[in-house]
Amino acid sequence: MNRNFALGAKRAFDIAAAAIGLVVLSPLFVCIAVAIVLDSPGSLIFRLRVAGRHGQAFDLWKFRTMVEGARQKVHPFDTFLGDPRITRVGRFLRRWSLDELPQLWNVLLGDMSLVGPRPVFVEVANRYSEHEQRRLEMRPGITGLAQVNGRNLISWSDRIALDVAYIDHYSFWLDLKILLATIPVVITGEGIYGPDGRVRMHDLA
């Protein structure tokens, strides 16, 4: 299949799936919003400035899982399993990856895809080597090949290798395989944090 056609079909699938997902999951969105409001003061949505395709910056949307102003307290990027900045509801949302659901809106806008290399902070992308910059050749994804092969438990270099392999060998069937493989990863909570219980700046992909 022609790669341009395949990428066009990927985008069409993203639009349809994201639109359906936003409608079907809207009651869950309301429940999460109420829980966040009752748990701690602050905004419902947390926006992160990340690098998208070709390095173009955009605001990634997540449900807020930390106290308001958390990035101004302690370290602006790093976090860990017992981080006191994470709220009670936030711990639940992170455990089940529910905080990522607003990224369906990013997919609908065209900033992201359902599947692709995970986005990183602009500050990280600005320091990419030539090889690492290959991650920016496709839209970042909500899930990806690295996420179903260890997530934060594998090294940064291994994640780069998996992301580049995904870009080189992209197909609709590979996307479908990754989406299906994401389900048990979410259920088990595999790789939410690194082997030492931390997520560091370069580990946020």
Protein backbone atom coordinates (compact mmCIF):
# COMPACT_ATOMS: atom_id res chain seq x y z
CA MET A 1 0.00 0.00 0.00
CA ASN A 2 1.27 3.47 -0.88
CA ARG A 3 2.60 5.09 2.30
CA ASN A 4 0.82 8.40 1.68
CA PHE A 5 -2.46 6.55 1.21
CA ALA A 6 -1.80 4.50 4.35
CA LEU A 7 -1.12 7.64 6.39
CA GLY A 8 -4.27 9.24 4.98
CA ALA A 9 -6.28 6.19 6.03
CA LYS A 10 -4.63 6.36 9.46
CA ARG A 11 -5.78 9.95 9.86
CA ALA A 12 -9.33 9.09 8.75
CA PHE A 13 -9.46 6.26 11.28
CA ASP A 14 -8.13 8.57 14.00
CA ILE A 15 -10.83 11.14 13.34
CA ALA A 16 -13.64 8.57 13.37
CA ALA A 17 -12.36 6.72 16.44
CA ALA A 18 -11.65 9.91 18.43
CA ALA A 19 -15.07 11.38 17.63
CA ILE A 20 -16.84 8.17 18.64
CA GLY A 21 -14.68 7.85 21.74
CA LEU A 22 -15.45 11.37 22.91
CA VAL A 23 -19.19 10.78 22.53
CA VAL A 24 -19.27 7.30 24.09
CA LEU A 25 -16.98 8.25 26.97
CA SER A 26 -18.66 11.58 27.72
CA PRO A 27 -20.48 10.19 30.82
CA LEU A 28 -17.12 8.96 32.15
CA PHE A 29 -15.63 12.38 31.46
CA VAL A 30 -18.37 13.97 33.57
CA CYS A 31 -17.77 11.53 36.45
CA ILE A 32 -14.03 12.19 36.37
CA ALA A 33 -14.59 15.95 36.26
CA VAL A 34 -16.86 15.81 39.32
CA ALA A 35 -14.33 13.66 41.20
CA ILE A 36 -11.49 16.08 40.43
CA VAL A 37 -13.53 19.09 41.56
CA LEU A 38 -14.56 17.41 44.82
CA ASP A 39 -11.03 16.16 45.54
CA SER A 40 -8.95 19.33 45.20
CA PRO A 41 -9.25 22.94 44.03
CA GLY A 42 -7.95 23.81 40.59
CA SER A 43 -8.59 23.28 36.91
CA LEU A 44 -10.01 20.09 35.42
CA ILE A 45 -7.58 19.96 32.52
CA PHE A 46 -3.81 20.17 32.71
CA ARG A 47 -2.01 21.33 29.58
CA LEU A 48 1.55 20.37 28.72
CA ARG A 49 3.50 22.08 25.96
CA VAL A 50 4.92 19.22 23.92
CA ALA A 51 6.55 18.64 20.53
CA GLY A 52 4.41 17.18 17.77
CA ARG A 53 5.05 16.14 14.20
CA HIS A 54 8.12 17.85 12.75
CA GLY A 55 8.69 19.40 16.19
CA GLN A 56 5.66 21.70 16.02
CA ALA A 57 4.62 22.55 19.58
CA PHE A 58 1.06 22.02 20.82
CA ASP A 59 -0.83 21.80 24.11
CA LEU A 60 -1.39 18.20 25.20
CA TRP A 61 -4.52 17.78 27.29
CA LYS A 62 -4.73 15.60 30.40
CA PHE A 63 -7.05 15.43 33.36
CA ARG A 64 -5.30 17.15 36.26
CA THR A 65 -3.78 14.59 38.62
CA MET A 66 -1.64 16.89 40.78
CA VAL A 67 -2.36 19.79 43.08
CA GLU A 68 -2.67 23.16 41.38
CA GLY A 69 0.75 24.68 40.66
CA ALA A 70 2.55 21.35 41.14
CA ARG A 71 5.19 22.16 38.51
CA GLN A 72 6.27 25.16 40.60
CA LYS A 73 6.86 22.87 43.59
CA VAL A 74 9.90 20.57 43.88
CA HIS A 75 10.76 19.52 40.29
CA PRO A 76 8.76 20.76 37.27
CA PHE A 77 9.16 17.52 35.28
CA ASP A 78 10.10 14.55 37.48
CA THR A 79 7.62 12.58 39.55
CA PHE A 80 7.59 9.35 41.58
CA LEU A 81 5.20 6.77 42.97
CA GLY A 82 4.68 8.47 46.34
CA ASP A 83 4.80 12.05 45.04
CA PRO A 84 2.70 14.10 47.54
CA ARG A 85 1.73 16.47 44.72
CA ILE A 86 -0.45 13.74 43.21
CA THR A 87 -4.03 13.94 44.47
CA ARG A 88 -6.09 10.98 45.66
CA VAL A 89 -8.19 11.04 42.51
CA GLY A 90 -5.04 11.64 40.52
CA ARG A 91 -3.51 8.39 41.75
CA PHE A 92 -6.57 6.49 40.57
CA LEU A 93 -6.59 8.24 37.20
CA ARG A 94 -2.89 7.54 36.66
CA ARG A 95 -3.23 3.90 37.69
CA TRP A 96 -5.83 3.29 34.98
CA SER A 97 -4.40 5.83 32.49
CA LEU A 98 -7.71 7.70 32.59
CA ASP A 99 -5.87 11.01 32.79
CA GLU A 100 -4.87 10.47 29.14
CA LEU A 101 -8.45 10.38 27.80
CA PRO A 102 -8.67 14.12 26.94
CA GLN A 103 -5.98 13.45 24.35
CA LEU A 104 -8.79 12.13 22.15
CA TRP A 105 -9.45 15.83 21.59
CA ASN A 106 -5.81 16.28 20.54
CA VAL A 107 -6.33 13.42 18.08
CA LEU A 108 -9.46 15.03 16.68
CA LEU A 109 -7.62 18.34 16.24
CA GLY A 110 -4.84 16.61 14.33
CA ASP A 111 -2.09 17.18 16.88
CA MET A 112 -1.91 13.49 17.75
CA SER A 113 -2.79 10.02 16.54
CA LEU A 114 -4.21 7.09 18.47
CA VAL A 115 -0.90 5.27 17.87
CA GLY A 116 2.57 6.76 17.55
CA PRO A 117 5.63 7.77 19.57
CA ARG A 118 4.57 9.37 22.83
CA PRO A 119 4.98 13.17 22.86
CA VAL A 120 7.72 14.74 24.96
CA PHE A 121 8.19 18.17 26.45
CA VAL A 122 9.42 20.76 24.00
CA GLU A 123 12.48 21.17 26.24
CA VAL A 124 13.36 17.50 25.65
CA ALA A 125 12.74 17.57 21.89
CA ASN A 126 14.97 20.62 21.55
CA ARG A 127 17.86 18.47 22.79
CA TYR A 128 17.19 15.54 20.49
CA SER A 129 20.07 13.98 18.58
CA GLU A 130 19.65 13.46 14.83
CA HIS A 131 18.54 9.88 15.45
CA GLU A 132 16.06 10.85 18.18
CA GLN A 133 14.52 13.47 15.90
CA ARG A 134 13.13 10.63 13.79
CA ARG A 135 10.44 10.28 16.48
CA LEU A 136 9.01 13.53 15.13
CA GLU A 137 8.37 12.17 11.63
CA MET A 138 4.85 11.04 12.60
CA ARG A 139 2.16 12.44 14.84
CA PRO A 140 2.69 11.44 18.50
CA GLY A 141 0.27 8.86 19.83
CA ILE A 142 -1.83 8.17 22.91
CA THR A 143 -0.24 4.72 22.85
CA GLY A 144 2.64 3.28 20.88
CA LEU A 145 5.01 0.39 20.29
CA ALA A 146 7.21 1.41 23.22
CA GLN A 147 4.18 1.68 25.53
CA VAL A 148 3.19 -1.95 24.92
CA ASN A 149 6.78 -3.15 25.32
CA GLY A 150 7.60 -1.89 28.79
CA ARG A 151 6.70 1.80 28.82
CA ASN A 152 8.82 3.49 31.52
CA LEU A 153 10.45 0.19 32.50
CA ILE A 154 12.65 0.16 29.41
CA SER A 155 15.55 2.48 28.72
CA TRP A 156 15.25 5.69 26.73
CA SER A 157 17.45 4.23 23.96
CA ASP A 158 15.22 1.16 23.69
CA ARG A 159 12.14 3.36 23.41
CA ILE A 160 13.78 5.40 20.67
CA ALA A 161 14.59 2.17 18.81
CA LEU A 162 11.00 0.96 19.10
CA ASP A 163 9.57 4.30 17.99
CA VAL A 164 11.86 4.43 14.95
CA ALA A 165 10.96 0.82 14.11
CA TYR A 166 7.28 1.76 14.28
CA ILE A 167 7.80 4.67 11.90
CA ASP A 168 9.78 2.54 9.46
CA HIS A 169 7.31 -0.35 9.47
CA TYR A 170 3.99 1.44 9.98
CA SER A 171 0.86 -0.33 8.78
CA PHE A 172 -2.81 -0.34 9.74
CA TRP A 173 -2.40 -3.87 11.11
CA LEU A 174 0.51 -2.77 13.29
CA ASP A 175 -1.67 0.03 14.70
CA LEU A 176 -4.47 -2.46 15.39
CA LYS A 177 -2.04 -4.84 17.08
CA ILE A 178 -0.71 -2.02 19.31
CA LEU A 179 -4.22 -0.83 20.23
CA LEU A 180 -5.21 -4.36 21.27
CA ALA A 181 -1.95 -4.84 23.19
CA THR A 182 -2.61 -1.60 25.08
CA ILE A 183 -5.62 -3.12 26.86
CA PRO A 184 -3.69 -5.59 29.07
CA VAL A 185 -1.00 -2.96 29.70
CA VAL A 186 -3.63 -0.60 31.11
CA ILE A 187 -5.27 -3.38 33.15
CA THR A 188 -2.00 -4.48 34.75
CA GLY A 189 -0.65 -0.93 35.14
CA GLU A 190 2.66 -2.08 33.67
CA GLY A 191 5.34 0.57 33.32
CA ILE A 192 3.51 3.57 34.79
CA TYR A 193 6.70 4.31 36.71
CA GLY A 194 10.29 3.31 36.07
CA PRO A 195 12.10 0.40 37.75
CA ASP A 196 13.03 2.67 40.67
CA GLY A 197 9.50 4.01 41.04
CA ARG A 198 10.33 7.31 39.36
CA VAL A 199 9.51 9.02 36.07
CA ARG A 200 12.21 11.46 35.02
CA MET A 201 12.20 14.18 32.41
CA HIS A 202 13.65 11.99 29.65
CA ASP A 203 11.31 9.18 30.71
CA LEU A 204 8.12 11.07 29.96
CA ALA A 205 7.79 9.70 26.43
